[in-house]
């Protein structure tokens, strides 16, 4: 399960991770399996792990006062998920993270994270690349939410990440895009 993490590091680092450095990294991660519908984090808990998805699909969402779910993240293989605020500040999370499919993940504790930052320079390089990509994705998501029509948001998701459309139910795709499932149905019917 750790080979996927090594491949990820090599993809985002400027040089290939050495065996010694990877051993230091590997020992900080805990491999865990979650069954479909099992929670990795629930609202009100403190997020104790950064989560690397090796296999499976996860969703991160909040629930408003009316009981409506708002999906902020859909994750599949080679994605990171977690509540950054809760993880960093040790505050109760506003989010739930749930396995939509059976999932194999690697968990990294805050202490392990800090140790890797202090001792493995290539890990810092990868974190910088991750943060850069996260900033770009967040900026694009905000722009899409405020500038694009529902149809444009859906078609953009199909173009940029078609695997999400295949792996997640239409209701979750709709919540992620901030539209109703009926709107997604209309858009899909119009496209065919």
N, C-alpha and C. Protein backbone atom coordinates (compact mmCIF):
# COMPACT_ATOMS: atom_id res chain seq x y z
N UNK A 1 0.82 -1.20 0.00
CA UNK A 1 0.00 0.00 0.00
C UNK A 1 0.86 1.26 0.00
N UNK A 2 2.06 1.17 0.53
CA UNK A 2 2.92 2.33 0.60
C UNK A 2 3.53 2.70 -0.76
N UNK A 3 3.55 1.76 -1.72
CA UNK A 3 4.14 2.05 -3.03
C UNK A 3 3.41 3.19 -3.72
N UNK A 4 2.08 3.26 -3.55
CA UNK A 4 1.31 4.35 -4.14
C UNK A 4 1.76 5.70 -3.58
N UNK A 5 2.06 5.73 -2.28
CA UNK A 5 2.55 6.96 -1.66
C UNK A 5 3.92 7.32 -2.24
N UNK A 6 4.77 6.33 -2.39
CA UNK A 6 6.10 6.59 -2.97
C UNK A 6 5.97 7.15 -4.39
N UNK A 7 5.08 6.56 -5.18
CA UNK A 7 4.85 7.05 -6.55
C UNK A 7 4.36 8.50 -6.52
N UNK A 8 3.48 8.80 -5.58
CA UNK A 8 2.95 10.16 -5.44
C UNK A 8 4.08 11.14 -5.11
N UNK A 9 4.92 10.76 -4.15
CA UNK A 9 6.04 11.62 -3.75
C UNK A 9 6.97 11.85 -4.94
N UNK A 10 7.29 10.79 -5.66
CA UNK A 10 8.18 10.92 -6.81
C UNK A 10 7.58 11.81 -7.90
N UNK A 11 6.26 11.78 -8.02
CA UNK A 11 5.59 12.61 -9.02
C UNK A 11 5.74 14.10 -8.70
N UNK A 12 5.68 14.45 -7.42
CA UNK A 12 5.68 15.86 -7.03
C UNK A 12 7.02 16.39 -6.53
N UNK A 13 7.98 15.53 -6.32
CA UNK A 13 9.30 15.98 -5.87
C UNK A 13 10.19 16.25 -7.08
N UNK A 14 11.18 17.09 -6.90
CA UNK A 14 12.08 17.40 -8.00
C UNK A 14 13.08 16.27 -8.26
N UNK A 15 13.31 15.44 -7.25
CA UNK A 15 14.18 14.27 -7.39
C UNK A 15 13.46 13.06 -6.81
N UNK A 16 13.91 11.89 -7.17
CA UNK A 16 13.28 10.68 -6.65
C UNK A 16 13.64 10.49 -5.18
N UNK A 17 12.67 10.07 -4.39
CA UNK A 17 12.88 9.86 -2.96
C UNK A 17 13.84 8.69 -2.77
N UNK A 18 14.80 8.86 -1.87
CA UNK A 18 15.74 7.78 -1.60
C UNK A 18 15.07 6.71 -0.75
N UNK A 19 15.65 5.51 -0.76
CA UNK A 19 15.11 4.43 0.06
C UNK A 19 15.13 4.81 1.54
N UNK A 20 16.21 5.45 1.99
CA UNK A 20 16.32 5.85 3.41
C UNK A 20 15.24 6.86 3.78
N UNK A 21 15.07 7.88 2.94
CA UNK A 21 14.04 8.88 3.22
C UNK A 21 12.65 8.26 3.18
N UNK A 22 12.43 7.35 2.23
CA UNK A 22 11.10 6.76 2.14
C UNK A 22 10.82 5.88 3.35
N UNK A 23 11.83 5.23 3.88
CA UNK A 23 11.62 4.43 5.10
C UNK A 23 11.18 5.34 6.25
N UNK A 24 11.80 6.53 6.36
CA UNK A 24 11.40 7.49 7.40
C UNK A 24 9.95 7.94 7.19
N UNK A 25 9.59 8.17 5.95
CA UNK A 25 8.22 8.60 5.63
C UNK A 25 7.25 7.47 5.92
N UNK A 26 7.57 6.30 5.40
CA UNK A 26 6.68 5.13 5.52
C UNK A 26 6.34 4.79 6.96
N UNK A 27 7.33 4.92 7.83
CA UNK A 27 7.08 4.52 9.23
C UNK A 27 6.13 5.47 9.96
N UNK A 28 5.89 6.64 9.40
CA UNK A 28 4.97 7.60 10.04
C UNK A 28 3.52 7.40 9.61
N UNK A 29 3.30 6.62 8.55
CA UNK A 29 1.96 6.41 8.04
C UNK A 29 1.37 5.11 8.56
N UNK A 30 0.08 5.14 8.87
CA UNK A 30 -0.64 3.97 9.36
C UNK A 30 -1.60 3.53 8.27
N UNK A 31 -1.48 2.29 7.81
CA UNK A 31 -2.38 1.75 6.80
C UNK A 31 -3.68 1.32 7.47
N UNK A 32 -4.80 1.68 6.85
CA UNK A 32 -6.10 1.31 7.43
C UNK A 32 -7.11 1.09 6.31
N UNK A 33 -8.01 0.16 6.56
CA UNK A 33 -9.09 -0.14 5.62
C UNK A 33 -10.41 0.36 6.22
N UNK A 34 -11.22 1.01 5.39
CA UNK A 34 -12.55 1.45 5.81
C UNK A 34 -13.58 0.83 4.87
N UNK A 35 -14.66 0.36 5.44
CA UNK A 35 -15.75 -0.20 4.64
C UNK A 35 -16.64 0.93 4.10
N UNK A 36 -17.33 0.62 3.04
CA UNK A 36 -18.29 1.56 2.47
C UNK A 36 -19.23 2.05 3.58
N UNK A 37 -19.49 3.34 3.60
CA UNK A 37 -20.35 4.04 4.56
C UNK A 37 -19.71 4.22 5.94
N UNK A 38 -18.48 3.80 6.13
CA UNK A 38 -17.79 4.00 7.41
C UNK A 38 -17.19 5.40 7.44
N UNK A 39 -17.24 6.02 8.62
CA UNK A 39 -16.71 7.37 8.78
C UNK A 39 -15.24 7.33 9.17
N UNK A 40 -14.46 8.22 8.54
CA UNK A 40 -13.06 8.43 8.91
C UNK A 40 -12.98 9.60 9.89
N UNK A 41 -13.96 10.50 9.81
CA UNK A 41 -14.06 11.67 10.68
C UNK A 41 -15.52 12.06 10.76
N UNK A 42 -15.97 12.45 11.95
CA UNK A 42 -17.33 12.94 12.10
C UNK A 42 -17.31 14.34 12.70
N UNK A 43 -18.30 15.12 12.30
CA UNK A 43 -18.44 16.49 12.79
C UNK A 43 -18.35 16.49 14.31
N UNK A 44 -17.57 17.44 14.84
CA UNK A 44 -17.41 17.57 16.28
C UNK A 44 -16.15 16.91 16.81
N UNK A 45 -15.61 15.94 16.07
CA UNK A 45 -14.34 15.31 16.46
C UNK A 45 -13.19 16.20 16.01
N UNK A 46 -12.06 16.06 16.67
CA UNK A 46 -10.84 16.73 16.23
C UNK A 46 -10.20 15.84 15.18
N UNK A 47 -9.83 16.42 14.04
CA UNK A 47 -9.19 15.67 12.97
C UNK A 47 -7.77 15.31 13.40
N UNK A 48 -7.51 14.04 13.61
CA UNK A 48 -6.22 13.59 14.11
C UNK A 48 -5.28 13.13 13.02
N UNK A 49 -5.77 13.08 11.76
CA UNK A 49 -4.95 12.54 10.68
C UNK A 49 -5.10 13.33 9.38
N UNK A 50 -4.00 13.41 8.65
CA UNK A 50 -4.06 13.73 7.23
C UNK A 50 -4.23 12.38 6.55
N UNK A 51 -5.07 12.31 5.54
CA UNK A 51 -5.46 11.03 4.95
C UNK A 51 -5.06 11.00 3.48
N UNK A 52 -4.26 9.99 3.12
CA UNK A 52 -3.88 9.76 1.72
C UNK A 52 -4.69 8.56 1.23
N UNK A 53 -5.43 8.75 0.14
CA UNK A 53 -6.29 7.70 -0.39
C UNK A 53 -5.48 6.81 -1.33
N UNK A 54 -5.33 5.56 -0.96
CA UNK A 54 -4.63 4.58 -1.79
C UNK A 54 -5.61 3.94 -2.76
N UNK A 55 -6.77 3.56 -2.25
CA UNK A 55 -7.79 2.90 -3.07
C UNK A 55 -9.16 3.25 -2.51
N UNK A 56 -10.10 3.52 -3.40
CA UNK A 56 -11.45 3.79 -2.95
C UNK A 56 -11.89 5.22 -3.21
N UNK A 57 -13.04 5.57 -2.70
CA UNK A 57 -13.63 6.89 -2.89
C UNK A 57 -14.19 7.39 -1.56
N UNK A 58 -13.92 8.66 -1.26
CA UNK A 58 -14.37 9.29 -0.02
C UNK A 58 -15.06 10.60 -0.35
N UNK A 59 -15.92 11.01 0.56
CA UNK A 59 -16.52 12.34 0.43
C UNK A 59 -16.35 13.08 1.75
N UNK A 60 -16.15 14.38 1.64
CA UNK A 60 -16.05 15.25 2.80
C UNK A 60 -17.21 16.23 2.70
N UNK A 61 -18.01 16.31 3.77
CA UNK A 61 -19.19 17.14 3.69
C UNK A 61 -19.57 17.71 5.06
N UNK A 62 -20.38 18.76 5.01
CA UNK A 62 -20.97 19.32 6.22
C UNK A 62 -22.48 19.19 6.08
N UNK A 63 -23.16 19.35 7.20
CA UNK A 63 -24.63 19.30 7.20
C UNK A 63 -25.11 20.61 7.82
N UNK A 64 -25.98 21.32 7.10
CA UNK A 64 -26.46 22.60 7.62
C UNK A 64 -27.59 22.39 8.63
N UNK A 65 -28.10 23.50 9.17
CA UNK A 65 -29.12 23.42 10.23
C UNK A 65 -30.43 22.80 9.76
N UNK A 66 -30.65 22.79 8.44
CA UNK A 66 -31.86 22.18 7.88
C UNK A 66 -31.64 20.70 7.57
N UNK A 67 -30.43 20.20 7.84
CA UNK A 67 -30.13 18.79 7.57
C UNK A 67 -29.69 18.51 6.15
N UNK A 68 -29.37 19.56 5.41
CA UNK A 68 -28.94 19.41 4.02
C UNK A 68 -27.42 19.22 3.99
N UNK A 69 -26.98 18.21 3.24
CA UNK A 69 -25.55 17.94 3.10
C UNK A 69 -24.94 18.85 2.03
N UNK A 70 -23.72 19.32 2.31
CA UNK A 70 -22.97 20.14 1.37
C UNK A 70 -21.58 19.51 1.21
N UNK A 71 -21.37 18.87 0.07
CA UNK A 71 -20.10 18.18 -0.18
C UNK A 71 -19.06 19.19 -0.62
N UNK A 72 -17.94 19.21 0.11
CA UNK A 72 -16.85 20.12 -0.22
C UNK A 72 -15.70 19.41 -0.93
N UNK A 73 -15.67 18.08 -0.86
CA UNK A 73 -14.57 17.35 -1.46
C UNK A 73 -15.02 15.94 -1.82
N UNK A 74 -14.68 15.53 -3.03
CA UNK A 74 -14.84 14.15 -3.48
C UNK A 74 -13.44 13.65 -3.80
N UNK A 75 -13.05 12.53 -3.21
CA UNK A 75 -11.67 12.08 -3.33
C UNK A 75 -11.59 10.63 -3.78
N UNK A 76 -10.63 10.39 -4.66
CA UNK A 76 -10.33 9.04 -5.10
C UNK A 76 -8.83 8.80 -4.95
N UNK A 77 -8.33 7.79 -5.58
CA UNK A 77 -6.93 7.39 -5.42
C UNK A 77 -5.96 8.56 -5.64
N UNK A 78 -4.92 8.57 -4.80
CA UNK A 78 -3.83 9.55 -4.87
C UNK A 78 -4.28 10.97 -4.53
N UNK A 79 -5.33 11.08 -3.74
CA UNK A 79 -5.78 12.38 -3.24
C UNK A 79 -5.59 12.39 -1.74
N UNK A 80 -5.44 13.57 -1.22
CA UNK A 80 -5.39 13.79 0.22
C UNK A 80 -6.73 14.35 0.65
N UNK A 81 -7.16 13.99 1.84
CA UNK A 81 -8.40 14.53 2.37
C UNK A 81 -8.22 14.73 3.87
N UNK A 82 -8.94 15.67 4.40
CA UNK A 82 -8.91 15.94 5.83
C UNK A 82 -9.42 17.34 6.10
N UNK A 83 -9.64 17.63 7.33
CA UNK A 83 -10.04 18.98 7.74
C UNK A 83 -8.78 19.69 8.19
N UNK A 84 -8.23 20.52 7.32
CA UNK A 84 -6.96 21.20 7.61
C UNK A 84 -7.04 22.07 8.87
N UNK A 85 -8.16 22.78 9.01
CA UNK A 85 -8.31 23.66 10.18
C UNK A 85 -8.30 22.84 11.46
N UNK A 86 -9.09 21.79 11.52
CA UNK A 86 -9.16 20.96 12.72
C UNK A 86 -7.83 20.28 12.99
N UNK A 87 -7.19 19.78 11.97
CA UNK A 87 -5.89 19.10 12.09
C UNK A 87 -4.81 20.04 12.62
N UNK A 88 -4.78 21.25 12.09
CA UNK A 88 -3.75 22.23 12.47
C UNK A 88 -4.03 22.88 13.82
N UNK A 89 -5.29 23.28 14.03
CA UNK A 89 -5.65 24.05 15.22
C UNK A 89 -6.17 23.18 16.37
N UNK A 90 -6.36 21.90 16.09
CA UNK A 90 -6.91 20.94 17.08
C UNK A 90 -8.29 21.38 17.59
N UNK A 91 -9.10 21.90 16.66
CA UNK A 91 -10.46 22.33 16.97
C UNK A 91 -11.45 21.29 16.45
N UNK A 92 -12.67 21.26 16.99
CA UNK A 92 -13.66 20.31 16.48
C UNK A 92 -13.93 20.55 14.99
N UNK A 93 -14.05 19.47 14.27
CA UNK A 93 -14.29 19.56 12.82
C UNK A 93 -15.73 19.94 12.52
N UNK A 94 -15.90 20.65 11.42
CA UNK A 94 -17.22 20.98 10.90
C UNK A 94 -17.67 19.94 9.88
N UNK A 95 -16.78 18.99 9.59
CA UNK A 95 -16.99 18.06 8.48
C UNK A 95 -17.11 16.61 8.91
N UNK A 96 -17.71 15.85 8.01
CA UNK A 96 -17.72 14.40 8.07
C UNK A 96 -16.90 13.93 6.87
N UNK A 97 -16.12 12.87 7.06
CA UNK A 97 -15.44 12.23 5.95
C UNK A 97 -15.89 10.77 5.97
N UNK A 98 -16.48 10.34 4.86
CA UNK A 98 -17.10 9.02 4.79
C UNK A 98 -16.62 8.27 3.56
N UNK A 99 -16.44 6.97 3.70
CA UNK A 99 -16.09 6.12 2.57
C UNK A 99 -17.34 5.87 1.73
N UNK A 100 -17.27 6.22 0.47
CA UNK A 100 -18.37 5.99 -0.47
C UNK A 100 -18.21 4.59 -1.09
N UNK A 101 -16.98 4.12 -1.14
CA UNK A 101 -16.63 2.76 -1.53
C UNK A 101 -15.70 2.23 -0.45
N UNK A 102 -15.49 0.92 -0.40
CA UNK A 102 -14.45 0.40 0.47
C UNK A 102 -13.17 1.15 0.14
N UNK A 103 -12.39 1.50 1.16
CA UNK A 103 -11.22 2.34 0.93
C UNK A 103 -10.03 1.87 1.75
N UNK A 104 -8.87 1.92 1.11
CA UNK A 104 -7.60 1.71 1.78
C UNK A 104 -6.91 3.06 1.83
N UNK A 105 -6.51 3.47 3.02
CA UNK A 105 -5.91 4.79 3.19
C UNK A 105 -4.65 4.67 4.04
N UNK A 106 -3.85 5.73 3.96
CA UNK A 106 -2.68 5.88 4.83
C UNK A 106 -2.93 7.11 5.68
N UNK A 107 -2.83 6.94 7.00
CA UNK A 107 -3.10 8.01 7.95
C UNK A 107 -1.79 8.55 8.50
N UNK A 108 -1.70 9.87 8.59
CA UNK A 108 -0.52 10.54 9.13
C UNK A 108 -0.96 11.43 10.28
N UNK A 109 -0.41 11.19 11.47
CA UNK A 109 -0.76 11.99 12.64
C UNK A 109 -0.10 13.36 12.57
N UNK A 110 -0.58 14.28 13.38
CA UNK A 110 0.02 15.62 13.46
C UNK A 110 1.48 15.52 13.91
N UNK A 111 1.75 14.67 14.89
CA UNK A 111 3.13 14.50 15.38
C UNK A 111 4.02 13.93 14.27
N UNK A 112 3.51 12.92 13.56
CA UNK A 112 4.27 12.34 12.46
C UNK A 112 4.51 13.35 11.36
N UNK A 113 3.50 14.16 11.08
CA UNK A 113 3.61 15.22 10.08
C UNK A 113 4.74 16.18 10.46
N UNK A 114 4.74 16.62 11.70
CA UNK A 114 5.77 17.55 12.17
C UNK A 114 7.16 16.95 12.09
N UNK A 115 7.29 15.68 12.47
CA UNK A 115 8.59 15.01 12.40
C UNK A 115 9.10 14.92 10.97
N UNK A 116 8.21 14.62 10.03
CA UNK A 116 8.63 14.53 8.63
C UNK A 116 9.05 15.90 8.09
N UNK A 117 8.32 16.93 8.47
CA UNK A 117 8.68 18.29 8.04
C UNK A 117 10.08 18.66 8.57
N UNK A 118 10.36 18.24 9.80
CA UNK A 118 11.65 18.57 10.42
C UNK A 118 12.81 17.73 9.93
N UNK A 119 12.55 16.52 9.44
CA UNK A 119 13.66 15.60 9.16
C UNK A 119 13.81 15.14 7.71
N UNK A 120 12.77 15.31 6.89
CA UNK A 120 12.84 14.79 5.52
C UNK A 120 12.55 15.92 4.52
N UNK A 121 13.59 16.56 3.99
CA UNK A 121 13.40 17.71 3.09
C UNK A 121 12.50 17.42 1.88
N UNK A 122 12.57 16.21 1.34
CA UNK A 122 11.75 15.91 0.16
C UNK A 122 10.26 15.94 0.52
N UNK A 123 9.92 15.63 1.76
CA UNK A 123 8.53 15.70 2.20
C UNK A 123 8.04 17.15 2.16
N UNK A 124 8.89 18.08 2.56
CA UNK A 124 8.55 19.51 2.51
C UNK A 124 8.34 19.95 1.07
N UNK A 125 9.18 19.46 0.16
CA UNK A 125 9.03 19.78 -1.26
C UNK A 125 7.68 19.31 -1.78
N UNK A 126 7.29 18.10 -1.41
CA UNK A 126 6.01 17.55 -1.84
C UNK A 126 4.86 18.35 -1.22
N UNK A 127 4.98 18.73 0.05
CA UNK A 127 3.95 19.54 0.69
C UNK A 127 3.76 20.87 -0.04
N UNK A 128 4.85 21.48 -0.44
CA UNK A 128 4.76 22.75 -1.17
C UNK A 128 4.01 22.56 -2.48
N UNK A 129 4.33 21.48 -3.20
CA UNK A 129 3.64 21.20 -4.45
C UNK A 129 2.15 20.94 -4.20
N UNK A 130 1.85 20.18 -3.14
CA UNK A 130 0.45 19.90 -2.79
C UNK A 130 -0.29 21.19 -2.47
N UNK A 131 0.33 22.04 -1.67
CA UNK A 131 -0.32 23.30 -1.30
C UNK A 131 -0.57 24.17 -2.53
N UNK A 132 0.40 24.20 -3.43
CA UNK A 132 0.27 24.97 -4.66
C UNK A 132 -0.92 24.45 -5.47
N UNK A 133 -0.99 23.13 -5.65
CA UNK A 133 -2.10 22.53 -6.40
C UNK A 133 -3.44 22.75 -5.69
N UNK A 134 -3.43 22.66 -4.36
CA UNK A 134 -4.65 22.88 -3.58
C UNK A 134 -5.15 24.32 -3.76
N UNK A 135 -4.21 25.27 -3.74
CA UNK A 135 -4.58 26.69 -3.92
C UNK A 135 -5.21 26.91 -5.28
N UNK A 136 -4.61 26.31 -6.31
CA UNK A 136 -5.14 26.46 -7.67
C UNK A 136 -6.53 25.84 -7.76
N UNK A 137 -6.68 24.63 -7.24
CA UNK A 137 -7.98 23.95 -7.29
C UNK A 137 -9.05 24.74 -6.53
N UNK A 138 -8.68 25.28 -5.37
CA UNK A 138 -9.63 26.07 -4.57
C UNK A 138 -10.04 27.33 -5.32
N UNK A 139 -9.06 27.98 -5.92
CA UNK A 139 -9.34 29.20 -6.68
C UNK A 139 -10.26 28.89 -7.86
N UNK A 140 -9.99 27.80 -8.56
CA UNK A 140 -10.83 27.42 -9.69
C UNK A 140 -12.25 27.05 -9.23
N UNK A 141 -12.33 26.37 -8.09
CA UNK A 141 -13.65 25.97 -7.57
C UNK A 141 -14.46 27.21 -7.17
N UNK A 142 -13.84 28.16 -6.53
CA UNK A 142 -14.53 29.41 -6.15
C UNK A 142 -14.98 30.15 -7.40
N UNK A 143 -14.10 30.28 -8.38
CA UNK A 143 -14.45 30.98 -9.61
C UNK A 143 -15.61 30.28 -10.32
N UNK A 144 -15.55 28.97 -10.36
CA UNK A 144 -16.62 28.20 -10.99
C UNK A 144 -17.95 28.43 -10.28
N UNK A 145 -17.91 28.42 -8.95
CA UNK A 145 -19.14 28.57 -8.16
C UNK A 145 -19.79 29.93 -8.36
N UNK A 146 -18.97 30.97 -8.54
CA UNK A 146 -19.54 32.31 -8.65
C UNK A 146 -19.70 32.80 -10.09
N UNK A 147 -19.05 32.12 -11.04
CA UNK A 147 -19.07 32.61 -12.42
C UNK A 147 -19.76 31.71 -13.42
N UNK A 148 -19.83 30.40 -13.15
CA UNK A 148 -20.35 29.45 -14.13
C UNK A 148 -21.80 29.09 -13.83
N UNK A 149 -22.51 28.80 -14.90
CA UNK A 149 -23.87 28.26 -14.74
C UNK A 149 -23.75 26.82 -14.25
N UNK A 150 -24.86 26.25 -13.82
CA UNK A 150 -24.87 24.85 -13.37
C UNK A 150 -24.37 23.94 -14.48
N UNK A 151 -24.81 24.18 -15.69
CA UNK A 151 -24.39 23.36 -16.83
C UNK A 151 -22.87 23.48 -17.06
N UNK A 152 -22.36 24.70 -17.00
CA UNK A 152 -20.92 24.90 -17.18
C UNK A 152 -20.11 24.20 -16.08
N UNK A 153 -20.60 24.26 -14.84
CA UNK A 153 -19.91 23.58 -13.74
C UNK A 153 -19.87 22.08 -13.97
N UNK A 154 -21.00 21.51 -14.38
CA UNK A 154 -21.07 20.08 -14.62
C UNK A 154 -20.14 19.68 -15.78
N UNK A 155 -20.23 20.40 -16.88
CA UNK A 155 -19.40 20.07 -18.05
C UNK A 155 -17.92 20.26 -17.75
N UNK A 156 -17.59 21.23 -16.93
CA UNK A 156 -16.19 21.43 -16.52
C UNK A 156 -15.71 20.24 -15.69
N UNK A 157 -16.56 19.74 -14.79
CA UNK A 157 -16.19 18.58 -13.99
C UNK A 157 -16.02 17.35 -14.88
N UNK A 158 -16.91 17.17 -15.82
CA UNK A 158 -16.80 16.04 -16.77
C UNK A 158 -15.49 16.13 -17.53
N UNK A 159 -15.11 17.34 -17.94
CA UNK A 159 -13.89 17.52 -18.73
C UNK A 159 -12.63 17.36 -17.89
N UNK A 160 -12.65 17.86 -16.67
CA UNK A 160 -11.42 17.85 -15.86
C UNK A 160 -11.27 16.62 -14.99
N UNK A 161 -12.39 16.00 -14.60
CA UNK A 161 -12.29 14.82 -13.74
C UNK A 161 -13.46 13.87 -13.99
N UNK A 162 -13.46 13.24 -15.16
CA UNK A 162 -14.58 12.36 -15.51
C UNK A 162 -14.73 11.16 -14.57
N UNK A 163 -13.65 10.76 -13.91
CA UNK A 163 -13.72 9.62 -12.98
C UNK A 163 -14.69 9.90 -11.84
N UNK A 164 -14.79 11.15 -11.41
CA UNK A 164 -15.72 11.47 -10.32
C UNK A 164 -17.15 11.19 -10.73
N UNK A 165 -17.48 11.50 -11.98
CA UNK A 165 -18.84 11.28 -12.48
C UNK A 165 -19.17 9.79 -12.45
N UNK A 166 -18.17 8.96 -12.74
CA UNK A 166 -18.37 7.51 -12.77
C UNK A 166 -18.44 6.90 -11.38
N UNK A 167 -17.71 7.47 -10.43
CA UNK A 167 -17.53 6.83 -9.12
C UNK A 167 -18.53 7.28 -8.05
N UNK A 168 -19.12 8.45 -8.22
CA UNK A 168 -20.01 8.99 -7.20
C UNK A 168 -21.43 9.09 -7.72
N UNK A 169 -22.42 8.83 -6.84
CA UNK A 169 -23.82 8.95 -7.27
C UNK A 169 -24.15 10.39 -7.70
N UNK A 170 -25.14 10.48 -8.57
CA UNK A 170 -25.56 11.78 -9.11
C UNK A 170 -25.92 12.77 -8.00
N UNK A 171 -26.53 12.29 -6.92
CA UNK A 171 -26.90 13.20 -5.82
C UNK A 171 -25.66 13.83 -5.18
N UNK A 172 -24.58 13.06 -5.08
CA UNK A 172 -23.34 13.60 -4.50
C UNK A 172 -22.66 14.57 -5.46
N UNK A 173 -22.69 14.26 -6.75
CA UNK A 173 -22.14 15.18 -7.75
C UNK A 173 -22.90 16.50 -7.69
N UNK A 174 -24.22 16.42 -7.59
CA UNK A 174 -25.03 17.63 -7.50
C UNK A 174 -24.67 18.45 -6.27
N UNK A 175 -24.56 17.81 -5.12
CA UNK A 175 -24.20 18.52 -3.90
C UNK A 175 -22.82 19.17 -4.03
N UNK A 176 -21.87 18.44 -4.60
CA UNK A 176 -20.52 18.96 -4.81
C UNK A 176 -20.53 20.20 -5.70
N UNK A 177 -21.39 20.19 -6.71
CA UNK A 177 -21.48 21.33 -7.63
C UNK A 177 -22.42 22.43 -7.14
N UNK A 178 -23.16 22.15 -6.06
CA UNK A 178 -24.07 23.16 -5.51
C UNK A 178 -25.34 23.32 -6.34
N UNK A 179 -25.81 22.22 -6.93
CA UNK A 179 -27.04 22.26 -7.72
C UNK A 179 -27.94 21.10 -7.28
N UNK A 180 -29.14 21.09 -7.78
CA UNK A 180 -30.06 19.99 -7.42
C UNK A 180 -29.79 18.78 -8.31
N UNK A 181 -30.12 17.59 -7.81
CA UNK A 181 -29.98 16.39 -8.65
C UNK A 181 -30.81 16.48 -9.93
N UNK A 182 -31.97 17.16 -9.85
CA UNK A 182 -32.82 17.33 -11.03
C UNK A 182 -32.10 18.16 -12.11
N UNK A 183 -31.33 19.16 -11.66
CA UNK A 183 -30.57 19.97 -12.60
C UNK A 183 -29.53 19.11 -13.32
N UNK A 184 -28.87 18.25 -12.57
CA UNK A 184 -27.88 17.33 -13.18
C UNK A 184 -28.57 16.43 -14.20
N UNK A 185 -29.74 15.91 -13.86
CA UNK A 185 -30.50 15.05 -14.79
C UNK A 185 -30.83 15.81 -16.08
N UNK A 186 -31.29 17.06 -15.95
CA UNK A 186 -31.62 17.86 -17.13
C UNK A 186 -30.38 18.08 -18.01
N UNK A 187 -29.26 18.40 -17.34
CA UNK A 187 -28.02 18.64 -18.10
C UNK A 187 -27.58 17.39 -18.83
N UNK A 188 -27.64 16.25 -18.13
CA UNK A 188 -27.23 14.98 -18.75
C UNK A 188 -28.15 14.60 -19.89
N UNK A 189 -29.45 14.81 -19.72
CA UNK A 189 -30.40 14.48 -20.80
C UNK A 189 -30.18 15.38 -22.01
N UNK A 190 -29.87 16.62 -21.76
CA UNK A 190 -29.62 17.58 -22.83
C UNK A 190 -28.36 17.19 -23.62
N UNK A 191 -27.35 16.67 -22.92
CA UNK A 191 -26.09 16.30 -23.55
C UNK A 191 -26.23 15.06 -24.43
N UNK A 192 -27.22 14.22 -24.16
CA UNK A 192 -27.37 12.98 -24.94
C UNK A 192 -28.26 13.18 -26.09
